[in-house]
Amino acid sequence: MNSITDEKPRCGWCLSSDLYKEYHDQEWGTPVYDDATLFEFLLLETFQAGLSWITILNKRENFRAAFDQFDHTKIAAYNDDKILDLLQDAGIIRNKLKVYSTVTNAQNFITIQEEFGSFSKYIWEFTDGKPLINNPKTLKDVPATTPLSDKISKDLKKRGFKFVGSTVIYAFMQATGMVNDHVESCWKKS
Protein backbone atom coordinates (compact mmCIF):
# COMPACT_ATOMS: atom_id res chain seq x y z
CA MET A 1 0.00 0.00 0.00
CA ASN A 2 1.28 3.45 -0.84
CA SER A 3 1.73 5.89 1.99
CA ILE A 4 -1.15 8.34 2.24
CA THR A 5 0.62 11.66 2.39
CA ASP A 6 -2.16 14.04 1.42
CA GLU A 7 -3.37 16.63 3.86
CA LYS A 8 -7.11 15.91 3.58
CA PRO A 9 -8.94 16.67 6.80
CA ARG A 10 -10.21 13.37 8.20
CA CYS A 11 -11.99 12.03 11.24
CA GLY A 12 -9.48 11.90 14.08
CA TRP A 13 -9.86 8.17 14.78
CA CYS A 14 -8.19 7.18 11.49
CA LEU A 15 -5.03 9.28 11.60
CA SER A 16 -2.68 6.74 13.21
CA SER A 17 -2.02 4.59 10.12
CA ASP A 18 -2.33 4.49 6.36
CA LEU A 19 -4.50 1.38 6.63
CA TYR A 20 -6.94 3.31 8.83
CA LYS A 21 -6.91 6.27 6.44
CA GLU A 22 -7.54 4.04 3.43
CA TYR A 23 -10.43 2.29 5.20
CA HIS A 24 -11.86 5.67 6.24
CA ASP A 25 -11.52 7.16 2.77
CA GLN A 26 -12.81 4.21 0.78
CA GLU A 27 -15.28 2.35 2.99
CA TRP A 28 -16.39 3.81 6.33
CA GLY A 29 -19.73 5.55 6.04
CA THR A 30 -20.25 4.54 2.39
CA PRO A 31 -23.66 2.87 1.94
CA VAL A 32 -23.45 -0.88 1.31
CA TYR A 33 -26.47 -2.71 -0.11
CA ASP A 34 -24.71 -5.90 -1.20
CA ASP A 35 -25.41 -8.93 1.00
CA ALA A 36 -21.90 -10.36 0.66
CA THR A 37 -20.29 -7.14 1.88
CA LEU A 38 -22.87 -6.70 4.63
CA PHE A 39 -22.04 -10.19 5.88
CA GLU A 40 -18.31 -9.45 5.74
CA PHE A 41 -18.77 -6.40 7.95
CA LEU A 42 -21.09 -8.25 10.29
CA LEU A 43 -18.48 -10.99 10.71
CA LEU A 44 -15.63 -8.52 11.21
CA GLU A 45 -17.57 -6.34 13.64
CA THR A 46 -18.52 -9.35 15.79
CA PHE A 47 -14.85 -10.36 16.00
CA GLN A 48 -13.96 -6.77 16.89
CA ALA A 49 -16.10 -6.84 20.05
CA GLY A 50 -13.72 -5.97 22.88
CA LEU A 51 -10.81 -5.24 20.53
CA SER A 52 -9.63 -2.30 18.47
CA TRP A 53 -10.78 -1.95 14.87
CA ILE A 54 -7.18 -1.63 13.66
CA THR A 55 -6.54 -5.14 15.01
CA ILE A 56 -9.33 -6.43 12.78
CA LEU A 57 -8.23 -4.39 9.76
CA ASN A 58 -4.69 -5.75 10.12
CA LYS A 59 -6.09 -9.31 10.06
CA ARG A 60 -8.83 -8.71 7.47
CA GLU A 61 -7.15 -10.61 4.65
CA ASN A 62 -6.40 -13.49 7.02
CA PHE A 63 -10.09 -13.56 7.95
CA ARG A 64 -11.00 -13.50 4.25
CA ALA A 65 -8.80 -16.55 3.56
CA ALA A 66 -9.83 -18.44 6.71
CA PHE A 67 -13.57 -17.82 6.24
CA ASP A 68 -13.90 -18.75 2.56
CA GLN A 69 -13.94 -15.16 1.25
CA PHE A 70 -16.72 -14.38 3.77
CA ASP A 71 -19.11 -16.69 1.88
CA HIS A 72 -22.00 -17.01 4.33
CA THR A 73 -23.39 -20.13 2.62
CA LYS A 74 -20.10 -21.98 3.09
CA ILE A 75 -19.68 -20.69 6.65
CA ALA A 76 -23.22 -21.79 7.56
CA ALA A 77 -22.18 -25.36 6.72
CA TYR A 78 -18.94 -25.43 8.74
CA ASN A 79 -18.53 -28.58 10.80
CA ASP A 80 -16.54 -29.15 13.98
CA ASP A 81 -13.37 -30.08 12.03
CA LYS A 82 -13.42 -26.76 10.17
CA ILE A 83 -14.06 -24.88 13.42
CA LEU A 84 -11.12 -26.66 15.08
CA ASP A 85 -8.93 -25.63 12.10
CA LEU A 86 -10.04 -22.02 12.55
CA LEU A 87 -9.21 -22.14 16.25
CA GLN A 88 -5.63 -23.10 15.29
CA ASP A 89 -5.28 -20.25 12.76
CA ALA A 90 -2.99 -17.61 14.28
CA GLY A 91 -3.94 -15.19 11.48
CA ILE A 92 -7.40 -14.55 12.95
CA ILE A 93 -8.86 -13.91 16.39
CA ARG A 94 -9.08 -17.41 17.88
CA ASN A 95 -11.98 -16.84 20.21
CA LYS A 96 -14.00 -20.04 20.39
CA LEU A 97 -17.31 -18.32 21.13
CA LYS A 98 -16.85 -15.85 18.26
CA VAL A 99 -15.90 -18.60 15.79
CA TYR A 100 -18.93 -20.68 16.73
CA SER A 101 -21.16 -17.61 16.63
CA THR A 102 -19.99 -16.87 13.08
CA VAL A 103 -21.47 -20.19 11.94
CA THR A 104 -24.71 -19.48 13.80
CA ASN A 105 -24.86 -15.95 12.40
CA ALA A 106 -24.30 -17.22 8.86
CA GLN A 107 -27.20 -19.65 9.28
CA ASN A 108 -29.43 -16.88 10.63
CA PHE A 109 -28.27 -14.54 7.85
CA ILE A 110 -29.59 -17.09 5.32
CA THR A 111 -32.88 -17.34 7.21
CA ILE A 112 -33.29 -13.56 6.97
CA GLN A 113 -32.46 -13.67 3.25
CA GLU A 114 -35.18 -16.27 2.76
CA GLU A 115 -37.70 -14.25 4.75
CA PHE A 116 -36.99 -10.79 3.28
CA GLY A 117 -35.48 -11.61 -0.12
CA SER A 118 -32.10 -10.28 1.02
CA PHE A 119 -30.34 -9.31 4.21
CA SER A 120 -29.95 -5.85 2.70
CA LYS A 121 -33.73 -5.40 2.48
CA TYR A 122 -34.06 -6.47 6.10
CA ILE A 123 -31.30 -4.28 7.57
CA TRP A 124 -31.96 -1.17 5.49
CA GLU A 125 -35.66 -1.28 6.40
CA PHE A 126 -34.59 0.09 9.78
CA THR A 127 -33.53 3.37 8.09
CA ASP A 128 -36.16 3.40 5.32
CA GLY A 129 -33.44 2.43 2.84
CA LYS A 130 -31.45 5.64 3.30
CA PRO A 131 -28.35 6.54 5.30
CA LEU A 132 -28.93 8.53 8.47
CA ILE A 133 -26.77 11.63 8.23
CA ASN A 134 -25.50 12.83 11.58
CA ASN A 135 -23.60 16.04 12.03
CA PRO A 136 -21.03 15.47 14.75
CA LYS A 137 -18.69 18.41 15.24
CA THR A 138 -16.03 16.30 16.97
CA LEU A 139 -15.41 12.65 17.79
CA LYS A 140 -16.85 13.29 21.25
CA ASP A 141 -20.19 13.91 19.56
CA VAL A 142 -20.27 10.44 17.98
CA PRO A 143 -22.24 7.97 20.12
CA ALA A 144 -21.28 4.35 20.76
CA THR A 145 -24.94 3.28 20.61
CA THR A 146 -28.29 4.79 19.71
CA PRO A 147 -31.90 3.78 20.28
CA LEU A 148 -31.88 2.45 16.69
CA SER A 149 -28.79 0.28 17.26
CA ASP A 150 -30.50 -0.97 20.44
CA LYS A 151 -33.57 -1.90 18.37
CA ILE A 152 -31.59 -3.67 15.62
CA SER A 153 -29.46 -5.50 18.20
CA LYS A 154 -32.58 -6.70 20.01
CA ASP A 155 -34.16 -7.91 16.76
CA LEU A 156 -31.02 -9.75 15.63
CA LYS A 157 -30.68 -11.41 19.04
CA LYS A 158 -34.32 -12.46 18.87
CA ARG A 159 -33.46 -14.09 15.53
CA GLY A 160 -30.61 -16.04 17.15
CA PHE A 161 -27.59 -13.90 16.25
CA LYS A 162 -24.65 -13.78 18.68
CA PHE A 163 -22.15 -11.00 19.49
CA VAL A 164 -24.52 -8.36 18.13
CA GLY A 165 -24.82 -6.01 21.07
CA SER A 166 -25.82 -2.43 20.46
CA THR A 167 -22.20 -1.17 20.29
CA VAL A 168 -21.28 -3.81 17.69
CA ILE A 169 -24.38 -2.98 15.69
CA TYR A 170 -23.74 0.75 15.77
CA ALA A 171 -20.19 0.15 14.52
CA PHE A 172 -21.68 -2.07 11.78
CA MET A 173 -24.10 0.73 10.86
CA GLN A 174 -21.20 3.19 10.59
CA ALA A 175 -19.06 0.78 8.58
CA THR A 176 -21.83 0.04 6.08
CA GLY A 177 -23.02 3.61 5.72
CA MET A 178 -26.39 3.09 7.35
CA VAL A 179 -25.29 6.06 9.42
CA ASN A 180 -22.82 8.76 8.40
CA ASP A 181 -20.82 9.91 11.38
CA HIS A 182 -18.00 11.72 9.60
CA VAL A 183 -17.15 14.80 11.64
CA GLU A 184 -17.99 18.25 10.31
CA SER A 185 -14.40 19.01 9.25
CA CYS A 186 -13.85 15.69 7.42
CA TRP A 187 -13.52 15.78 3.64
CA LYS A 188 -15.99 12.84 3.40
CA LYS A 189 -18.69 14.82 5.14
CA SER A 190 -19.44 16.84 2.02
C-alpha atoms as a PDB file:
ATOM      1  CA  MET A   1       0.000   0.000   0.000  1.00  0.00           C
ATOM      2  CA  ASN A   2       1.279   3.451  -0.837  1.00  0.00           C
ATOM      3  CA  SER A   3       1.726   5.889   1.988  1.00  0.00           C
ATOM      4  CA  ILE A   4      -1.145   8.337   2.244  1.00  0.00           C
ATOM      5  CA  THR A   5       0.620  11.662   2.395  1.00  0.00           C
ATOM      6  CA  ASP A   6      -2.164  14.039   1.417  1.00  0.00           C
ATOM      7  CA  GLU A   7      -3.375  16.628   3.861  1.00  0.00           C
ATOM      8  CA  LYS A   8      -7.109  15.915   3.578  1.00  0.00           C
ATOM      9  CA  PRO A   9      -8.943  16.669   6.804  1.00  0.00           C
ATOM     10  CA  ARG A  10     -10.207  13.366   8.201  1.00  0.00           C
ATOM     11  CA  CYS A  11     -11.994  12.030  11.244  1.00  0.00           C
ATOM     12  CA  GLY A  12      -9.477  11.897  14.080  1.00  0.00           C
ATOM     13  CA  TRP A  13      -9.859   8.170  14.782  1.00  0.00           C
ATOM     14  CA  CYS A  14      -8.188   7.183  11.485  1.00  0.00           C
ATOM     15  CA  LEU A  15      -5.029   9.278  11.598  1.00  0.00           C
ATOM     16  CA  SER A  16      -2.684   6.740  13.208  1.00  0.00           C
ATOM     17  CA  SER A  17      -2.021   4.594  10.115  1.00  0.00           C
ATOM     18  CA  ASP A  18      -2.326   4.494   6.361  1.00  0.00           C
ATOM     19  CA  LEU A  19      -4.502   1.383   6.634  1.00  0.00           C
ATOM     20  CA  TYR A  20      -6.942   3.306   8.828  1.00  0.00           C
ATOM     21  CA  LYS A  21      -6.914   6.270   6.438  1.00  0.00           C
ATOM     22  CA  GLU A  22      -7.542   4.037   3.431  1.00  0.00           C
ATOM     23  CA  TYR A  23     -10.433   2.295   5.201  1.00  0.00           C
ATOM     24  CA  HIS A  24     -11.863   5.666   6.245  1.00  0.00           C
ATOM     25  CA  ASP A  25     -11.516   7.159   2.767  1.00  0.00           C
ATOM     26  CA  GLN A  26     -12.814   4.207   0.776  1.00  0.00           C
ATOM     27  CA  GLU A  27     -15.282   2.352   2.993  1.00  0.00           C
ATOM     28  CA  TRP A  28     -16.389   3.811   6.331  1.00  0.00           C
ATOM     29  CA  GLY A  29     -19.726   5.546   6.036  1.00  0.00           C
ATOM     30  CA  THR A  30     -20.250   4.540   2.389  1.00  0.00           C
ATOM     31  CA  PRO A  31     -23.657   2.868   1.944  1.00  0.00           C
ATOM     32  CA  VAL A  32     -23.454  -0.879   1.314  1.00  0.00           C
ATOM     33  CA  TYR A  33     -26.467  -2.707  -0.112  1.00  0.00           C
ATOM     34  CA  ASP A  34     -24.708  -5.898  -1.198  1.00  0.00           C
ATOM     35  CA  ASP A  35     -25.414  -8.934   1.001  1.00  0.00           C
ATOM     36  CA  ALA A  36     -21.903 -10.360   0.657  1.00  0.00           C
ATOM     37  CA  THR A  37     -20.286  -7.143   1.875  1.00  0.00           C
ATOM     38  CA  LEU A  38     -22.870  -6.695   4.630  1.00  0.00           C
ATOM     39  CA  PHE A  39     -22.041 -10.194   5.885  1.00  0.00           C
ATOM     40  CA  GLU A  40     -18.313  -9.453   5.741  1.00  0.00           C
ATOM     41  CA  PHE A  41     -18.770  -6.395   7.951  1.00  0.00           C
ATOM     42  CA  LEU A  42     -21.091  -8.253  10.294  1.00  0.00           C
ATOM     43  CA  LEU A  43     -18.475 -10.986  10.711  1.00  0.00           C
ATOM     44  CA  LEU A  44     -15.625  -8.522  11.209  1.00  0.00           C
ATOM     45  CA  GLU A  45     -17.575  -6.340  13.644  1.00  0.00           C
ATOM     46  CA  THR A  46     -18.523  -9.349  15.789  1.00  0.00           C
ATOM     47  CA  PHE A  47     -14.854 -10.356  16.004  1.00  0.00           C
ATOM     48  CA  GLN A  48     -13.962  -6.774  16.892  1.00  0.00           C
ATOM     49  CA  ALA A  49     -16.102  -6.845  20.051  1.00  0.00           C
ATOM     50  CA  GLY A  50     -13.722  -5.971  22.876  1.00  0.00           C
ATOM     51  CA  LEU A  51     -10.807  -5.239  20.535  1.00  0.00           C
ATOM     52  CA  SER A  52      -9.632  -2.297  18.471  1.00  0.00           C
ATOM     53  CA  TRP A  53     -10.783  -1.947  14.866  1.00  0.00           C
ATOM     54  CA  ILE A  54      -7.176  -1.632  13.658  1.00  0.00           C
ATOM     55  CA  THR A  55      -6.536  -5.137  15.011  1.00  0.00           C
ATOM     56  CA  ILE A  56      -9.329  -6.426  12.777  1.00  0.00           C
ATOM     57  CA  LEU A  57      -8.230  -4.387   9.759  1.00  0.00           C
ATOM     58  CA  ASN A  58      -4.694  -5.750  10.115  1.00  0.00           C
ATOM     59  CA  LYS A  59      -6.094  -9.306  10.058  1.00  0.00           C
ATOM     60  CA  ARG A  60      -8.833  -8.709   7.469  1.00  0.00           C
ATOM     61  CA  GLU A  61      -7.148 -10.609   4.648  1.00  0.00           C
ATOM     62  CA  ASN A  62      -6.404 -13.495   7.018  1.00  0.00           C
ATOM     63  CA  PHE A  63     -10.095 -13.555   7.947  1.00  0.00           C
ATOM     64  CA  ARG A  64     -10.997 -13.496   4.248  1.00  0.00           C
ATOM     65  CA  ALA A  65      -8.804 -16.553   3.560  1.00  0.00           C
ATOM     66  CA  ALA A  66      -9.834 -18.437   6.710  1.00  0.00           C
ATOM     67  CA  PHE A  67     -13.566 -17.819   6.244  1.00  0.00           C
ATOM     68  CA  ASP A  68     -13.897 -18.754   2.555  1.00  0.00           C
ATOM     69  CA  GLN A  69     -13.936 -15.157   1.254  1.00  0.00           C
ATOM     70  CA  PHE A  70     -16.724 -14.382   3.765  1.00  0.00           C
ATOM     71  CA  ASP A  71     -19.114 -16.686   1.880  1.00  0.00           C
ATOM     72  CA  HIS A  72     -21.999 -17.008   4.332  1.00  0.00           C
ATOM     73  CA  THR A  73     -23.395 -20.130   2.621  1.00  0.00           C
ATOM     74  CA  LYS A  74     -20.102 -21.976   3.094  1.00  0.00           C
ATOM     75  CA  ILE A  75     -19.681 -20.686   6.650  1.00  0.00           C
ATOM     76  CA  ALA A  76     -23.222 -21.791   7.563  1.00  0.00           C
ATOM     77  CA  ALA A  77     -22.185 -25.362   6.722  1.00  0.00           C
ATOM     78  CA  TYR A  78     -18.945 -25.431   8.737  1.00  0.00           C
ATOM     79  CA  ASN A  79     -18.531 -28.575  10.799  1.00  0.00           C
ATOM     80  CA  ASP A  80     -16.536 -29.154  13.978  1.00  0.00           C
ATOM     81  CA  ASP A  81     -13.374 -30.081  12.027  1.00  0.00           C
ATOM     82  CA  LYS A  82     -13.421 -26.759  10.168  1.00  0.00           C
ATOM     83  CA  ILE A  83     -14.062 -24.881  13.418  1.00  0.00           C
ATOM     84  CA  LEU A  84     -11.119 -26.655  15.078  1.00  0.00           C
ATOM     85  CA  ASP A  85      -8.926 -25.633  12.105  1.00  0.00           C
ATOM     86  CA  LEU A  86     -10.042 -22.022  12.550  1.00  0.00           C
ATOM     87  CA  LEU A  87      -9.208 -22.144  16.250  1.00  0.00           C
ATOM     88  CA  GLN A  88      -5.632 -23.096  15.293  1.00  0.00           C
ATOM     89  CA  ASP A  89      -5.281 -20.249  12.763  1.00  0.00           C
ATOM     90  CA  ALA A  90      -2.993 -17.607  14.283  1.00  0.00           C
ATOM     91  CA  GLY A  91      -3.942 -15.190  11.483  1.00  0.00           C
ATOM     92  CA  ILE A  92      -7.402 -14.553  12.947  1.00  0.00           C
ATOM     93  CA  ILE A  93      -8.862 -13.915  16.388  1.00  0.00           C
ATOM     94  CA  ARG A  94      -9.077 -17.407  17.877  1.00  0.00           C
ATOM     95  CA  ASN A  95     -11.983 -16.835  20.206  1.00  0.00           C
ATOM     96  CA  LYS A  96     -13.997 -20.036  20.394  1.00  0.00           C
ATOM     97  CA  LEU A  97     -17.314 -18.317  21.128  1.00  0.00           C
ATOM     98  CA  LYS A  98     -16.850 -15.855  18.263  1.00  0.00           C
ATOM     99  CA  VAL A  99     -15.897 -18.601  15.791  1.00  0.00           C
ATOM    100  CA  TYR A 100     -18.930 -20.683  16.725  1.00  0.00           C
ATOM    101  CA  SER A 101     -21.159 -17.611  16.630  1.00  0.00           C
ATOM    102  CA  THR A 102     -19.992 -16.873  13.078  1.00  0.00           C
ATOM    103  CA  VAL A 103     -21.468 -20.188  11.945  1.00  0.00           C
ATOM    104  CA  THR A 104     -24.715 -19.485  13.797  1.00  0.00           C
ATOM    105  CA  ASN A 105     -24.858 -15.952  12.405  1.00  0.00           C
ATOM    106  CA  ALA A 106     -24.299 -17.224   8.857  1.00  0.00           C
ATOM    107  CA  GLN A 107     -27.196 -19.651   9.277  1.00  0.00           C
ATOM    108  CA  ASN A 108     -29.429 -16.878  10.626  1.00  0.00           C
ATOM    109  CA  PHE A 109     -28.271 -14.538   7.848  1.00  0.00           C
ATOM    110  CA  ILE A 110     -29.587 -17.086   5.318  1.00  0.00           C
ATOM    111  CA  THR A 111     -32.883 -17.342   7.210  1.00  0.00           C
ATOM    112  CA  ILE A 112     -33.291 -13.559   6.967  1.00  0.00           C
ATOM    113  CA  GLN A 113     -32.465 -13.670   3.245  1.00  0.00           C
ATOM    114  CA  GLU A 114     -35.184 -16.274   2.761  1.00  0.00           C
ATOM    115  CA  GLU A 115     -37.701 -14.247   4.751  1.00  0.00           C
ATOM    116  CA  PHE A 116     -36.990 -10.786   3.281  1.00  0.00           C
ATOM    117  CA  GLY A 117     -35.482 -11.611  -0.122  1.00  0.00           C
ATOM    118  CA  SER A 118     -32.103 -10.282   1.019  1.00  0.00           C
ATOM    119  CA  PHE A 119     -30.341  -9.306   4.210  1.00  0.00           C
ATOM    120  CA  SER A 120     -29.952  -5.853   2.698  1.00  0.00           C
ATOM    121  CA  LYS A 121     -33.727  -5.401   2.482  1.00  0.00           C
ATOM    122  CA  TYR A 122     -34.063  -6.465   6.104  1.00  0.00           C
ATOM    123  CA  ILE A 123     -31.304  -4.282   7.568  1.00  0.00           C
ATOM    124  CA  TRP A 124     -31.960  -1.170   5.485  1.00  0.00           C
ATOM    125  CA  GLU A 125     -35.659  -1.281   6.401  1.00  0.00           C
ATOM    126  CA  PHE A 126     -34.585   0.089   9.781  1.00  0.00           C
ATOM    127  CA  THR A 127     -33.534   3.371   8.092  1.00  0.00           C
ATOM    128  CA  ASP A 128     -36.157   3.399   5.323  1.00  0.00           C
ATOM    129  CA  GLY A 129     -33.440   2.435   2.836  1.00  0.00           C
ATOM    130  CA  LYS A 130     -31.448   5.643   3.295  1.00  0.00           C
ATOM    131  CA  PRO A 131     -28.355   6.545   5.304  1.00  0.00           C
ATOM    132  CA  LEU A 132     -28.933   8.530   8.470  1.00  0.00           C
ATOM    133  CA  ILE A 133     -26.774  11.634   8.234  1.00  0.00           C
ATOM    134  CA  ASN A 134     -25.500  12.830  11.584  1.00  0.00           C
ATOM    135  CA  ASN A 135     -23.598  16.043  12.032  1.00  0.00           C
ATOM    136  CA  PRO A 136     -21.028  15.465  14.753  1.00  0.00           C
ATOM    137  CA  LYS A 137     -18.693  18.405  15.236  1.00  0.00           C
ATOM    138  CA  THR A 138     -16.027  16.300  16.965  1.00  0.00           C
ATOM    139  CA  LEU A 139     -15.408  12.646  17.793  1.00  0.00           C
ATOM    140  CA  LYS A 140     -16.846  13.288  21.254  1.00  0.00           C
ATOM    141  CA  ASP A 141     -20.195  13.908  19.565  1.00  0.00           C
ATOM    142  CA  VAL A 142     -20.274  10.435  17.984  1.00  0.00           C
ATOM    143  CA  PRO A 143     -22.243   7.970  20.116  1.00  0.00           C
ATOM    144  CA  ALA A 144     -21.283   4.345  20.765  1.00  0.00           C
ATOM    145  CA  THR A 145     -24.943   3.282  20.614  1.00  0.00           C
ATOM    146  CA  THR A 146     -28.292   4.790  19.711  1.00  0.00           C
ATOM    147  CA  PRO A 147     -31.905   3.778  20.280  1.00  0.00           C
ATOM    148  CA  LEU A 148     -31.884   2.449  16.693  1.00  0.00           C
ATOM    149  CA  SER A 149     -28.791   0.276  17.258  1.00  0.00           C
ATOM    150  CA  ASP A 150     -30.501  -0.970  20.440  1.00  0.00           C
ATOM    151  CA  LYS A 151     -33.572  -1.902  18.374  1.00  0.00           C
ATOM    152  CA  ILE A 152     -31.594  -3.666  15.625  1.00  0.00           C
ATOM    153  CA  SER A 153     -29.463  -5.499  18.198  1.00  0.00           C
ATOM    154  CA  LYS A 154     -32.580  -6.698  20.012  1.00  0.00           C
ATOM    155  CA  ASP A 155     -34.162  -7.906  16.763  1.00  0.00           C
ATOM    156  CA  LEU A 156     -31.019  -9.750  15.633  1.00  0.00           C
ATOM    157  CA  LYS A 157     -30.680 -11.411  19.041  1.00  0.00           C
ATOM    158  CA  LYS A 158     -34.325 -12.458  18.874  1.00  0.00           C
ATOM    159  CA  ARG A 159     -33.459 -14.087  15.526  1.00  0.00           C
ATOM    160  CA  GLY A 160     -30.609 -16.037  17.153  1.00  0.00           C
ATOM    161  CA  PHE A 161     -27.594 -13.898  16.250  1.00  0.00           C
ATOM    162  CA  LYS A 162     -24.654 -13.779  18.675  1.00  0.00           C
ATOM    163  CA  PHE A 163     -22.147 -10.995  19.487  1.00  0.00           C
ATOM    164  CA  VAL A 164     -24.521  -8.356  18.126  1.00  0.00           C
ATOM    165  CA  GLY A 165     -24.821  -6.009  21.069  1.00  0.00           C
ATOM    166  CA  SER A 166     -25.816  -2.425  20.461  1.00  0.00           C
ATOM    167  CA  THR A 167     -22.198  -1.167  20.289  1.00  0.00           C
ATOM    168  CA  VAL A 168     -21.275  -3.807  17.688  1.00  0.00           C
ATOM    169  CA  ILE A 169     -24.380  -2.979  15.687  1.00  0.00           C
ATOM    170  CA  TYR A 170     -23.737   0.755  15.772  1.00  0.00           C
ATOM    171  CA  ALA A 171     -20.185   0.148  14.520  1.00  0.00           C
ATOM    172  CA  PHE A 172     -21.675  -2.070  11.776  1.00  0.00           C
ATOM    173  CA  MET A 173     -24.103   0.727  10.860  1.00  0.00           C
ATOM    174  CA  GLN A 174     -21.204   3.188  10.592  1.00  0.00           C
ATOM    175  CA  ALA A 175     -19.059   0.781   8.577  1.00  0.00           C
ATOM    176  CA  THR A 176     -21.835   0.042   6.083  1.00  0.00           C
ATOM    177  CA  GLY A 177     -23.019   3.610   5.718  1.00  0.00           C
ATOM    178  CA  MET A 178     -26.394   3.091   7.354  1.00  0.00           C
ATOM    179  CA  VAL A 179     -25.291   6.058   9.424  1.00  0.00           C
ATOM    180  CA  ASN A 180     -22.824   8.756   8.402  1.00  0.00           C
ATOM    181  CA  ASP A 181     -20.815   9.913  11.383  1.00  0.00           C
ATOM    182  CA  HIS A 182     -17.995  11.718   9.596  1.00  0.00           C
ATOM    183  CA  VAL A 183     -17.150  14.800  11.643  1.00  0.00           C
ATOM    184  CA  GLU A 184     -17.991  18.246  10.313  1.00  0.00           C
ATOM    185  CA  SER A 185     -14.400  19.014   9.246  1.00  0.00           C
ATOM    186  CA  CYS A 186     -13.850  15.693   7.415  1.00  0.00           C
ATOM    187  CA  TRP A 187     -13.524  15.777   3.639  1.00  0.00           C
ATOM    188  CA  LYS A 188     -15.987  12.843   3.405  1.00  0.00           C
ATOM    189  CA  LYS A 189     -18.695  14.823   5.140  1.00  0.00           C
ATOM    190  CA  SER A 190     -19.444  16.842   2.019  1.00  0.00           C
END
